[in-house]
Amino acid sequence: MDLKTMTDDELYEHLNAVLAERERRQALATIPDQIRDLTAKYVDGGGDVEDLQTAKAETPPAIDPPADSPTE
């Protein structure tokens, strides 16, 4: 890929794809810790961890990304 030969639109599209991928990777890296922290706060506040397990079981399946989204 030669960035110098891309049009401005192509370059911006590529940049947006790179930024979206970076955001996806950061979310994957940080969400498990956030879930652990929130679970601890919920339980410490008197919540029942079984309620969280029920909520997890009721979570709808993931939505497939649009065909033009980066997958790797």
N, C-alpha and C. Protein backbone atom coordinates (compact mmCIF):
# COMPACT_ATOMS: atom_id res chain seq x y z
N MET A 1 0.85 -1.16 0.00
CA MET A 1 0.00 0.00 0.00
C MET A 1 0.90 1.24 0.00
N ASP A 2 0.71 2.06 -0.98
CA ASP A 2 1.49 3.29 -1.09
C ASP A 2 0.60 4.48 -0.72
N LEU A 3 0.82 4.99 0.46
CA LEU A 3 -0.01 6.10 0.94
C LEU A 3 0.12 7.34 0.08
N LYS A 4 1.26 7.49 -0.56
CA LYS A 4 1.50 8.69 -1.38
C LYS A 4 0.63 8.73 -2.63
N THR A 5 0.18 7.58 -3.08
CA THR A 5 -0.63 7.55 -4.31
C THR A 5 -2.12 7.53 -4.03
N MET A 6 -2.50 7.49 -2.77
CA MET A 6 -3.92 7.48 -2.42
C MET A 6 -4.54 8.86 -2.61
N THR A 7 -5.82 8.84 -2.97
CA THR A 7 -6.55 10.11 -3.00
C THR A 7 -6.81 10.53 -1.55
N ASP A 8 -7.21 11.76 -1.38
CA ASP A 8 -7.54 12.22 -0.03
C ASP A 8 -8.65 11.37 0.58
N ASP A 9 -9.67 11.07 -0.22
CA ASP A 9 -10.77 10.25 0.29
C ASP A 9 -10.29 8.86 0.69
N GLU A 10 -9.46 8.25 -0.12
CA GLU A 10 -8.92 6.93 0.21
C GLU A 10 -8.07 6.98 1.49
N LEU A 11 -7.28 8.03 1.61
CA LEU A 11 -6.43 8.18 2.78
C LEU A 11 -7.27 8.36 4.05
N TYR A 12 -8.29 9.20 3.99
CA TYR A 12 -9.16 9.40 5.15
C TYR A 12 -9.92 8.12 5.50
N GLU A 13 -10.35 7.38 4.47
CA GLU A 13 -11.04 6.11 4.71
C GLU A 13 -10.10 5.12 5.40
N HIS A 14 -8.86 5.07 4.95
CA HIS A 14 -7.87 4.19 5.55
C HIS A 14 -7.58 4.62 7.00
N LEU A 15 -7.44 5.90 7.22
CA LEU A 15 -7.19 6.42 8.56
C LEU A 15 -8.34 6.05 9.49
N ASN A 16 -9.57 6.23 9.03
CA ASN A 16 -10.72 5.89 9.86
C ASN A 16 -10.76 4.40 10.18
N ALA A 17 -10.39 3.57 9.22
CA ALA A 17 -10.34 2.12 9.46
C ALA A 17 -9.28 1.78 10.50
N VAL A 18 -8.13 2.44 10.42
CA VAL A 18 -7.05 2.20 11.38
C VAL A 18 -7.48 2.65 12.78
N LEU A 19 -8.09 3.81 12.87
CA LEU A 19 -8.54 4.31 14.17
C LEU A 19 -9.63 3.42 14.77
N ALA A 20 -10.54 2.94 13.94
CA ALA A 20 -11.58 2.04 14.41
C ALA A 20 -10.98 0.73 14.92
N GLU A 21 -9.99 0.22 14.23
CA GLU A 21 -9.33 -1.01 14.66
C GLU A 21 -8.58 -0.80 15.96
N ARG A 22 -7.93 0.34 16.11
CA ARG A 22 -7.23 0.63 17.36
C ARG A 22 -8.22 0.70 18.51
N GLU A 23 -9.35 1.34 18.29
CA GLU A 23 -10.39 1.44 19.33
C GLU A 23 -10.93 0.06 19.69
N ARG A 24 -11.14 -0.80 18.69
CA ARG A 24 -11.62 -2.16 18.94
C ARG A 24 -10.63 -2.94 19.79
N ARG A 25 -9.36 -2.85 19.45
CA ARG A 25 -8.33 -3.56 20.21
C ARG A 25 -8.22 -3.04 21.64
N GLN A 26 -8.30 -1.74 21.81
CA GLN A 26 -8.25 -1.17 23.16
C GLN A 26 -9.44 -1.63 23.98
N ALA A 27 -10.62 -1.69 23.36
CA ALA A 27 -11.80 -2.15 24.07
C ALA A 27 -11.64 -3.60 24.50
N LEU A 28 -11.14 -4.43 23.60
CA LEU A 28 -10.94 -5.84 23.94
C LEU A 28 -9.93 -5.99 25.08
N ALA A 29 -8.97 -5.12 25.13
CA ALA A 29 -7.95 -5.20 26.17
C ALA A 29 -8.45 -4.70 27.53
N THR A 30 -9.35 -3.73 27.53
CA THR A 30 -9.75 -3.10 28.79
C THR A 30 -11.09 -3.57 29.35
N ILE A 31 -11.98 -4.06 28.52
CA ILE A 31 -13.32 -4.43 28.99
C ILE A 31 -13.29 -5.53 30.05
N PRO A 32 -12.48 -6.58 29.92
CA PRO A 32 -12.47 -7.59 30.99
C PRO A 32 -12.13 -7.00 32.37
N ASP A 33 -11.17 -6.09 32.43
CA ASP A 33 -10.85 -5.45 33.71
C ASP A 33 -12.01 -4.60 34.21
N GLN A 34 -12.68 -3.91 33.30
CA GLN A 34 -13.83 -3.09 33.69
C GLN A 34 -14.96 -3.97 34.25
N ILE A 35 -15.17 -5.12 33.63
CA ILE A 35 -16.20 -6.03 34.10
C ILE A 35 -15.86 -6.54 35.50
N ARG A 36 -14.58 -6.90 35.72
CA ARG A 36 -14.16 -7.36 37.04
C ARG A 36 -14.37 -6.26 38.08
N ASP A 37 -13.98 -5.03 37.74
CA ASP A 37 -14.13 -3.91 38.68
C ASP A 37 -15.60 -3.65 39.00
N LEU A 38 -16.43 -3.62 37.97
CA LEU A 38 -17.86 -3.38 38.19
C LEU A 38 -18.51 -4.52 38.97
N THR A 39 -18.09 -5.74 38.69
CA THR A 39 -18.63 -6.88 39.44
C THR A 39 -18.29 -6.76 40.91
N ALA A 40 -17.03 -6.40 41.21
CA ALA A 40 -16.62 -6.24 42.61
C ALA A 40 -17.42 -5.13 43.28
N LYS A 41 -17.62 -4.01 42.59
CA LYS A 41 -18.40 -2.91 43.17
C LYS A 41 -19.85 -3.34 43.40
N TYR A 42 -20.40 -4.09 42.48
CA TYR A 42 -21.78 -4.55 42.59
C TYR A 42 -21.93 -5.46 43.80
N VAL A 43 -21.03 -6.42 43.93
CA VAL A 43 -21.09 -7.36 45.04
C VAL A 43 -20.81 -6.65 46.37
N ASP A 44 -19.80 -5.76 46.38
CA ASP A 44 -19.50 -5.00 47.59
C ASP A 44 -20.68 -4.14 48.03
N GLY A 45 -21.47 -3.69 47.07
CA GLY A 45 -22.64 -2.86 47.38
C GLY A 45 -23.86 -3.67 47.79
N GLY A 46 -23.71 -4.98 47.82
CA GLY A 46 -24.82 -5.82 48.25
C GLY A 46 -25.52 -6.56 47.14
N GLY A 47 -25.04 -6.40 45.91
CA GLY A 47 -25.66 -7.10 44.79
C GLY A 47 -25.32 -8.58 44.79
N ASP A 48 -26.18 -9.36 44.19
CA ASP A 48 -25.99 -10.81 44.10
C ASP A 48 -25.32 -11.14 42.78
N VAL A 49 -24.17 -11.80 42.85
CA VAL A 49 -23.42 -12.13 41.64
C VAL A 49 -24.24 -13.03 40.71
N GLU A 50 -25.18 -13.79 41.25
CA GLU A 50 -26.03 -14.62 40.41
C GLU A 50 -26.91 -13.77 39.49
N ASP A 51 -27.26 -12.57 39.94
CA ASP A 51 -28.03 -11.66 39.09
C ASP A 51 -27.20 -11.26 37.87
N LEU A 52 -25.91 -11.07 38.07
CA LEU A 52 -25.03 -10.74 36.95
C LEU A 52 -24.90 -11.91 35.99
N GLN A 53 -24.83 -13.12 36.53
CA GLN A 53 -24.73 -14.30 35.69
C GLN A 53 -26.01 -14.47 34.87
N THR A 54 -27.15 -14.17 35.47
CA THR A 54 -28.42 -14.23 34.75
C THR A 54 -28.43 -13.19 33.63
N ALA A 55 -27.97 -11.99 33.94
CA ALA A 55 -27.92 -10.93 32.93
C ALA A 55 -27.00 -11.32 31.79
N LYS A 56 -25.88 -11.95 32.10
CA LYS A 56 -24.95 -12.40 31.05
C LYS A 56 -25.62 -13.43 30.16
N ALA A 57 -26.36 -14.35 30.76
CA ALA A 57 -27.03 -15.39 29.99
C ALA A 57 -28.12 -14.81 29.09
N GLU A 58 -28.67 -13.66 29.48
CA GLU A 58 -29.74 -13.02 28.70
C GLU A 58 -29.21 -12.06 27.65
N THR A 59 -27.89 -11.88 27.60
CA THR A 59 -27.30 -10.96 26.65
C THR A 59 -27.51 -11.46 25.23
N PRO A 60 -27.99 -10.60 24.35
CA PRO A 60 -28.20 -11.05 22.96
C PRO A 60 -26.87 -11.38 22.29
N PRO A 61 -26.90 -12.24 21.29
CA PRO A 61 -25.66 -12.58 20.60
C PRO A 61 -25.07 -11.36 19.91
N ALA A 62 -23.78 -11.42 19.66
CA ALA A 62 -23.09 -10.32 18.99
C ALA A 62 -23.65 -10.12 17.60
N ILE A 63 -23.62 -8.88 17.17
CA ILE A 63 -24.07 -8.52 15.83
C ILE A 63 -22.89 -8.62 14.89
N ASP A 64 -23.08 -9.25 13.75
CA ASP A 64 -22.01 -9.34 12.77
C ASP A 64 -21.65 -7.95 12.27
N PRO A 65 -20.33 -7.68 12.12
CA PRO A 65 -19.92 -6.36 11.61
C PRO A 65 -20.31 -6.22 10.15
N PRO A 66 -20.47 -4.98 9.68
CA PRO A 66 -20.75 -4.77 8.27
C PRO A 66 -19.66 -5.40 7.39
N ALA A 67 -20.03 -5.76 6.19
CA ALA A 67 -19.11 -6.45 5.28
C ALA A 67 -17.86 -5.64 5.00
N ASP A 68 -17.94 -4.31 5.04
CA ASP A 68 -16.78 -3.49 4.72
C ASP A 68 -15.93 -3.15 5.94
N SER A 69 -16.24 -3.75 7.10
CA SER A 69 -15.46 -3.51 8.32
C SER A 69 -14.23 -4.38 8.33
N PRO A 70 -13.10 -3.85 8.89
CA PRO A 70 -11.91 -4.70 9.03
C PRO A 70 -12.20 -5.82 10.03
N THR A 71 -11.72 -7.03 9.73
CA THR A 71 -12.00 -8.16 10.60
C THR A 71 -10.76 -8.66 11.30
N GLU A 72 -9.62 -8.15 10.99
CA GLU A 72 -8.39 -8.61 11.63
C GLU A 72 -7.71 -7.48 12.34
